[in-house]
C-alpha atoms as a PDB file:
ATOM      1  CA  UNK A   1       9.651 -15.910 -14.311  1.00  0.00           C
ATOM      2  CA  UNK A   2       7.720 -13.508 -16.519  1.00  0.00           C
ATOM      3  CA  UNK A   3       7.915  -9.720 -16.306  1.00  0.00           C
ATOM      4  CA  UNK A   4       4.366  -9.686 -14.942  1.00  0.00           C
ATOM      5  CA  UNK A   5       5.539 -11.396 -11.739  1.00  0.00           C
ATOM      6  CA  UNK A   6       8.285  -8.811 -11.110  1.00  0.00           C
ATOM      7  CA  UNK A   7       5.785  -5.989 -11.705  1.00  0.00           C
ATOM      8  CA  UNK A   8       3.175  -7.573  -9.390  1.00  0.00           C
ATOM      9  CA  UNK A   9       5.795  -8.122  -6.689  1.00  0.00           C
ATOM     10  CA  UNK A  10       6.953  -4.537  -6.977  1.00  0.00           C
ATOM     11  CA  UNK A  11       3.365  -3.199  -6.625  1.00  0.00           C
ATOM     12  CA  UNK A  12       2.961  -5.028  -3.327  1.00  0.00           C
ATOM     13  CA  UNK A  13       4.630  -1.963  -1.715  1.00  0.00           C
ATOM     14  CA  UNK A  14       1.608   0.114  -2.589  1.00  0.00           C
ATOM     15  CA  UNK A  15      -0.087   2.136  -5.275  1.00  0.00           C
ATOM     16  CA  UNK A  16       2.276   3.715  -7.828  1.00  0.00           C
ATOM     17  CA  UNK A  17       2.312   5.240 -11.310  1.00  0.00           C
ATOM     18  CA  UNK A  18       4.002   3.821 -14.316  1.00  0.00           C
ATOM     19  CA  UNK A  19       6.763   6.431 -13.974  1.00  0.00           C
ATOM     20  CA  UNK A  20       7.356   5.452 -10.321  1.00  0.00           C
ATOM     21  CA  UNK A  21       7.466   1.805 -11.312  1.00  0.00           C
ATOM     22  CA  UNK A  22      10.265   2.534 -13.818  1.00  0.00           C
ATOM     23  CA  UNK A  23      12.248   4.296 -11.190  1.00  0.00           C
ATOM     24  CA  UNK A  24      11.822   1.418  -8.701  1.00  0.00           C
ATOM     25  CA  UNK A  25      12.898  -1.043 -11.383  1.00  0.00           C
ATOM     26  CA  UNK A  26      15.854   1.092 -12.307  1.00  0.00           C
ATOM     27  CA  UNK A  27      17.311   0.937  -8.790  1.00  0.00           C
ATOM     28  CA  UNK A  28      15.744  -1.730  -6.676  1.00  0.00           C
ATOM     29  CA  UNK A  29      14.614  -4.450  -9.110  1.00  0.00           C
ATOM     30  CA  UNK A  30      17.295  -4.286 -11.837  1.00  0.00           C
ATOM     31  CA  UNK A  31      19.556  -6.521  -9.768  1.00  0.00           C
ATOM     32  CA  UNK A  32      17.236  -9.424 -10.481  1.00  0.00           C
ATOM     33  CA  UNK A  33      15.085  -8.323 -13.399  1.00  0.00           C
ATOM     34  CA  UNK A  34      15.830  -5.696 -16.056  1.00  0.00           C
ATOM     35  CA  UNK A  35      13.018  -4.110 -18.056  1.00  0.00           C
ATOM     36  CA  UNK A  36      12.996  -0.988 -20.268  1.00  0.00           C
ATOM     37  CA  UNK A  37      10.356   1.647 -19.380  1.00  0.00           C
ATOM     38  CA  UNK A  38       8.292   0.890 -22.544  1.00  0.00           C
ATOM     39  CA  UNK A  39       8.152  -2.763 -21.509  1.00  0.00           C
ATOM     40  CA  UNK A  40       6.885  -1.800 -18.066  1.00  0.00           C
ATOM     41  CA  UNK A  41       4.124   0.415 -19.402  1.00  0.00           C
ATOM     42  CA  UNK A  42       3.096  -2.333 -21.826  1.00  0.00           C
ATOM     43  CA  UNK A  43       3.065  -4.895 -19.011  1.00  0.00           C
ATOM     44  CA  UNK A  44       0.888  -2.635 -16.827  1.00  0.00           C
ATOM     45  CA  UNK A  45      -1.615  -2.379 -19.650  1.00  0.00           C
ATOM     46  CA  UNK A  46      -1.675  -6.124 -20.024  1.00  0.00           C
ATOM     47  CA  UNK A  47      -2.027  -6.712 -16.267  1.00  0.00           C
ATOM     48  CA  UNK A  48      -4.931  -4.208 -16.106  1.00  0.00           C
ATOM     49  CA  UNK A  49      -6.645  -5.945 -19.029  1.00  0.00           C
ATOM     50  CA  UNK A  50      -6.205  -9.231 -17.292  1.00  0.00           C
ATOM     51  CA  UNK A  51      -7.680  -7.869 -14.066  1.00  0.00           C
ATOM     52  CA  UNK A  52      -4.478  -8.426 -12.113  1.00  0.00           C
ATOM     53  CA  UNK A  53      -3.949  -4.740 -11.368  1.00  0.00           C
ATOM     54  CA  UNK A  54      -6.452  -1.951 -10.984  1.00  0.00           C
ATOM     55  CA  UNK A  55      -5.686   1.556 -12.296  1.00  0.00           C
ATOM     56  CA  UNK A  56      -7.297   4.892 -11.331  1.00  0.00           C
ATOM     57  CA  UNK A  57      -6.927   8.263 -12.876  1.00  0.00           C
ATOM     58  CA  UNK A  58      -5.483  11.115 -10.778  1.00  0.00           C
ATOM     59  CA  UNK A  59      -6.243  14.621 -11.942  1.00  0.00           C
ATOM     60  CA  UNK A  60      -3.322  17.045 -11.488  1.00  0.00           C
ATOM     61  CA  UNK A  61      -3.361  20.803 -11.731  1.00  0.00           C
ATOM     62  CA  UNK A  62      -0.893  22.227 -14.265  1.00  0.00           C
ATOM     63  CA  UNK A  63       0.486  18.732 -15.032  1.00  0.00           C
ATOM     64  CA  UNK A  64      -0.763  15.811 -17.105  1.00  0.00           C
ATOM     65  CA  UNK A  65      -3.112  13.407 -15.312  1.00  0.00           C
ATOM     66  CA  UNK A  66      -1.513  10.182 -14.144  1.00  0.00           C
ATOM     67  CA  UNK A  67      -2.710   6.639 -13.516  1.00  0.00           C
ATOM     68  CA  UNK A  68      -1.937   4.848 -10.255  1.00  0.00           C
ATOM     69  CA  UNK A  69      -1.960   1.064 -10.118  1.00  0.00           C
ATOM     70  CA  UNK A  70      -2.565  -1.457  -7.319  1.00  0.00           C
ATOM     71  CA  UNK A  71      -2.493  -5.242  -7.219  1.00  0.00           C
ATOM     72  CA  UNK A  72      -5.906  -6.942  -7.275  1.00  0.00           C
ATOM     73  CA  UNK A  73      -6.833 -10.251  -5.679  1.00  0.00           C
ATOM     74  CA  UNK A  74      -6.358 -11.863  -9.092  1.00  0.00           C
ATOM     75  CA  UNK A  75      -2.838 -10.454  -9.075  1.00  0.00           C
ATOM     76  CA  UNK A  76      -2.177 -11.861  -5.660  1.00  0.00           C
ATOM     77  CA  UNK A  77      -3.466 -15.255  -6.819  1.00  0.00           C
ATOM     78  CA  UNK A  78      -1.124 -15.085  -9.780  1.00  0.00           C
ATOM     79  CA  UNK A  79       1.828 -14.332  -7.472  1.00  0.00           C
ATOM     80  CA  UNK A  80       0.800 -17.202  -5.160  1.00  0.00           C
ATOM     81  CA  UNK A  81       0.718 -19.657  -8.132  1.00  0.00           C
ATOM     82  CA  UNK A  82       4.109 -18.327  -9.286  1.00  0.00           C
ATOM     83  CA  UNK A  83       5.578 -18.787  -5.788  1.00  0.00           C
ATOM     84  CA  UNK A  84       4.316 -22.359  -5.685  1.00  0.00           C
ATOM     85  CA  UNK A  85       5.988 -23.310  -8.963  1.00  0.00           C
ATOM     86  CA  UNK A  86       9.552 -24.710  -8.810  1.00  0.00           C
ATOM     87  CA  UNK A  87      12.240 -21.989  -9.088  1.00  0.00           C
ATOM     88  CA  UNK A  88      14.275 -22.110 -12.303  1.00  0.00           C
ATOM     89  CA  UNK A  89      18.082 -21.982 -12.123  1.00  0.00           C
ATOM     90  CA  UNK A  90      19.853 -18.684 -12.525  1.00  0.00           C
ATOM     91  CA  UNK A  91      20.636 -17.875 -16.172  1.00  0.00           C
ATOM     92  CA  UNK A  92      23.545 -15.428 -16.879  1.00  0.00           C
ATOM     93  CA  UNK A  93      24.209 -13.780 -20.211  1.00  0.00           C
ATOM     94  CA  UNK A  94      27.086 -11.394 -19.734  1.00  0.00           C
ATOM     95  CA  UNK A  95      29.168 -10.225 -22.700  1.00  0.00           C
ATOM     96  CA  UNK A  96      32.063  -9.161 -20.413  1.00  0.00           C
ATOM     97  CA  UNK A  97      32.403 -12.731 -19.066  1.00  0.00           C
ATOM     98  CA  UNK A  98      32.459 -14.072 -22.634  1.00  0.00           C
ATOM     99  CA  UNK A  99      35.263 -11.631 -23.399  1.00  0.00           C
ATOM    100  CA  UNK A 100      37.249 -12.764 -20.337  1.00  0.00           C
ATOM    101  CA  UNK A 101      36.688 -16.408 -21.455  1.00  0.00           C
ATOM    102  CA  UNK A 102      38.445 -15.497 -24.709  1.00  0.00           C
ATOM    103  CA  UNK A 103      41.033 -13.279 -23.013  1.00  0.00           C
ATOM    104  CA  UNK A 104      44.058 -15.259 -24.196  1.00  0.00           C
ATOM    105  CA  UNK A 105      43.427 -14.095 -27.787  1.00  0.00           C
ATOM    106  CA  UNK A 106      42.221 -10.592 -27.073  1.00  0.00           C
ATOM    107  CA  UNK A 107      43.978  -7.272 -26.390  1.00  0.00           C
ATOM    108  CA  UNK A 108      44.465  -7.282 -22.590  1.00  0.00           C
ATOM    109  CA  UNK A 109      44.478  -3.453 -22.399  1.00  0.00           C
ATOM    110  CA  UNK A 110      41.003  -3.165 -23.857  1.00  0.00           C
ATOM    111  CA  UNK A 111      39.661  -5.912 -21.655  1.00  0.00           C
ATOM    112  CA  UNK A 112      41.252  -4.490 -18.504  1.00  0.00           C
ATOM    113  CA  UNK A 113      39.673  -1.112 -19.291  1.00  0.00           C
ATOM    114  CA  UNK A 114      36.243  -2.714 -19.571  1.00  0.00           C
ATOM    115  CA  UNK A 115      36.757  -4.698 -16.369  1.00  0.00           C
ATOM    116  CA  UNK A 116      37.681  -1.531 -14.489  1.00  0.00           C
ATOM    117  CA  UNK A 117      34.663   0.313 -15.908  1.00  0.00           C
ATOM    118  CA  UNK A 118      32.396  -2.558 -14.752  1.00  0.00           C
ATOM    119  CA  UNK A 119      34.023  -2.420 -11.317  1.00  0.00           C
ATOM    120  CA  UNK A 120      33.199   1.305 -11.106  1.00  0.00           C
ATOM    121  CA  UNK A 121      29.579   0.626 -12.118  1.00  0.00           C
ATOM    122  CA  UNK A 122      29.337  -2.072  -9.448  1.00  0.00           C
ATOM    123  CA  UNK A 123      30.729   0.327  -6.807  1.00  0.00           C
ATOM    124  CA  UNK A 124      28.105   2.936  -7.780  1.00  0.00           C
ATOM    125  CA  UNK A 125      25.364   0.318  -7.456  1.00  0.00           C
ATOM    126  CA  UNK A 126      26.735  -0.675  -4.081  1.00  0.00           C
ATOM    127  CA  UNK A 127      26.261   2.955  -2.866  1.00  0.00           C
ATOM    128  CA  UNK A 128      22.686   2.899  -4.139  1.00  0.00           C
ATOM    129  CA  UNK A 129      21.904  -0.371  -2.415  1.00  0.00           C
ATOM    130  CA  UNK A 130      23.404   0.873   0.895  1.00  0.00           C
ATOM    131  CA  UNK A 131      21.199   4.019   0.720  1.00  0.00           C
ATOM    132  CA  UNK A 132      18.164   1.963  -0.138  1.00  0.00           C
ATOM    133  CA  UNK A 133      18.756  -0.421   2.746  1.00  0.00           C
ATOM    134  CA  UNK A 134      18.970   2.488   5.179  1.00  0.00           C
ATOM    135  CA  UNK A 135      15.751   3.955   3.774  1.00  0.00           C
ATOM    136  CA  UNK A 136      13.922   0.602   3.951  1.00  0.00           C
ATOM    137  CA  UNK A 137      14.769  -0.101   7.580  1.00  0.00           C
ATOM    138  CA  UNK A 138      14.298   3.469   8.803  1.00  0.00           C
ATOM    139  CA  UNK A 139      15.325   3.958  12.403  1.00  0.00           C
ATOM    140  CA  UNK A 140      15.772   0.260  13.050  1.00  0.00           C
ATOM    141  CA  UNK A 141      19.129  -1.520  12.957  1.00  0.00           C
ATOM    142  CA  UNK A 142      19.425  -4.336  10.469  1.00  0.00           C
ATOM    143  CA  UNK A 143      19.028  -7.199  12.926  1.00  0.00           C
ATOM    144  CA  UNK A 144      15.885  -5.691  14.437  1.00  0.00           C
ATOM    145  CA  UNK A 145      14.393  -4.863  11.018  1.00  0.00           C
ATOM    146  CA  UNK A 146      15.033  -8.414   9.759  1.00  0.00           C
ATOM    147  CA  UNK A 147      13.155  -9.791  12.785  1.00  0.00           C
ATOM    148  CA  UNK A 148      10.292  -7.245  13.020  1.00  0.00           C
ATOM    149  CA  UNK A 149      10.225  -5.095   9.928  1.00  0.00           C
ATOM    150  CA  UNK A 150       6.937  -4.741   8.082  1.00  0.00           C
ATOM    151  CA  UNK A 151       7.997  -5.783   4.608  1.00  0.00           C
ATOM    152  CA  UNK A 152      11.211  -7.778   4.649  1.00  0.00           C
ATOM    153  CA  UNK A 153      11.144  -9.013   1.012  1.00  0.00           C
ATOM    154  CA  UNK A 154      12.428  -5.856  -0.707  1.00  0.00           C
ATOM    155  CA  UNK A 155      15.159  -5.593   1.965  1.00  0.00           C
ATOM    156  CA  UNK A 156      16.268  -9.195   1.394  1.00  0.00           C
ATOM    157  CA  UNK A 157      16.394  -8.701  -2.380  1.00  0.00           C
ATOM    158  CA  UNK A 158      18.491  -5.558  -1.804  1.00  0.00           C
ATOM    159  CA  UNK A 159      20.890  -7.567   0.382  1.00  0.00           C
ATOM    160  CA  UNK A 160      21.210 -10.115  -2.422  1.00  0.00           C
ATOM    161  CA  UNK A 161      21.764  -7.426  -5.049  1.00  0.00           C
ATOM    162  CA  UNK A 162      24.412  -5.748  -2.885  1.00  0.00           C
ATOM    163  CA  UNK A 163      26.218  -9.083  -2.419  1.00  0.00           C
ATOM    164  CA  UNK A 164      26.183  -9.796  -6.186  1.00  0.00           C
ATOM    165  CA  UNK A 165      27.547  -6.302  -7.001  1.00  0.00           C
ATOM    166  CA  UNK A 166      30.270  -6.585  -4.343  1.00  0.00           C
ATOM    167  CA  UNK A 167      31.328 -10.007  -5.764  1.00  0.00           C
ATOM    168  CA  UNK A 168      31.243  -8.616  -9.315  1.00  0.00           C
ATOM    169  CA  UNK A 169      33.393  -5.655  -8.347  1.00  0.00           C
ATOM    170  CA  UNK A 170      35.926  -7.898  -6.610  1.00  0.00           C
ATOM    171  CA  UNK A 171      35.964 -10.328  -9.565  1.00  0.00           C
ATOM    172  CA  UNK A 172      36.510  -7.507 -12.036  1.00  0.00           C
ATOM    173  CA  UNK A 173      39.383  -5.983 -10.050  1.00  0.00           C
ATOM    174  CA  UNK A 174      41.063  -9.322  -9.491  1.00  0.00           C
ATOM    175  CA  UNK A 175      40.654 -10.317 -13.149  1.00  0.00           C
ATOM    176  CA  UNK A 176      42.021  -6.980 -14.293  1.00  0.00           C
ATOM    177  CA  UNK A 177      45.073  -7.448 -12.034  1.00  0.00           C
ATOM    178  CA  UNK A 178      45.673 -10.971 -13.324  1.00  0.00           C
ATOM    179  CA  UNK A 179      45.467  -9.916 -16.963  1.00  0.00           C
ATOM    180  CA  UNK A 180      47.734  -6.950 -16.284  1.00  0.00           C
ATOM    181  CA  UNK A 181      50.337  -9.120 -14.599  1.00  0.00           C
ATOM    182  CA  UNK A 182      50.235 -11.707 -17.393  1.00  0.00           C
ATOM    183  CA  UNK A 183      50.618  -8.922 -20.003  1.00  0.00           C
ATOM    184  CA  UNK A 184      53.614  -7.543 -18.109  1.00  0.00           C
ATOM    185  CA  UNK A 185      55.177 -10.976 -17.911  1.00  0.00           C
ATOM    186  CA  UNK A 186      54.706 -11.496 -21.627  1.00  0.00           C
ATOM    187  CA  UNK A 187      56.339  -8.170 -22.442  1.00  0.00           C
ATOM    188  CA  UNK A 188      59.313  -9.019 -20.158  1.00  0.00           C
ATOM    189  CA  UNK A 189      59.744 -12.375 -21.887  1.00  0.00           C
ATOM    190  CA  UNK A 190      59.628 -10.701 -25.330  1.00  0.00           C
ATOM    191  CA  UNK A 191      62.123  -8.076 -24.206  1.00  0.00           C
ATOM    192  CA  UNK A 192      64.436 -10.808 -22.799  1.00  0.00           C
ATOM    193  CA  UNK A 193      64.188 -12.824 -26.029  1.00  0.00           C
ATOM    194  CA  UNK A 194      64.985  -9.744 -28.113  1.00  0.00           C
ATOM    195  CA  UNK A 195      68.005  -8.964 -25.935  1.00  0.00           C
ATOM    196  CA  UNK A 196      69.251 -12.537 -26.227  1.00  0.00           C
ATOM    197  CA  UNK A 197      68.958 -12.403 -30.004  1.00  0.00           C
ATOM    198  CA  UNK A 198      70.837  -9.127 -30.032  1.00  0.00           C
ATOM    199  CA  UNK A 199      73.692 -10.680 -28.129  1.00  0.00           C
ATOM    200  CA  UNK A 200      74.093 -13.605 -30.458  1.00  0.00           C
ATOM    201  CA  UNK A 201      77.158 -13.429 -32.799  1.00  0.00           C
END
């Protein structure tokens, strides 16, 4: 998937500015596609040049003018072609997981601290997803919204993001506990060995 597809899919919710797009990506899209603000602005310019989005200038009093973007038919056609292509497998590049892989040779205290920090970040994202899900479904309960809601796609991706963050939080906490227990066991063994050596004649 290219960034253009994530941008086009996000713009399906309606006209928005580049600034609004960065905010949507920061919360609702970052669970499946991260992009820095400058990347998003550059991609919008490319999409407009390619005729896949249309931009219009909005004059504002006392504030800089802004451009609002919508998906064109060419953009919808691009999304349809993207949807028809085989989905690629999930690729993960996570430095924390690499560190855990090498945990046996690293300082457990430093690693545990990073795991707990990641768990806190995941908990904060879970709160954001919960709020977003409530906002998306409005007055409807989840079961009703999933059956009859207007746009179910963003809701389903939020559910997926929430599940991933919940799993990540649980994995981080469990891994931190495991490393902590192993470190404590190692210290106990060392203390016992030292004591035994001290008792030798």
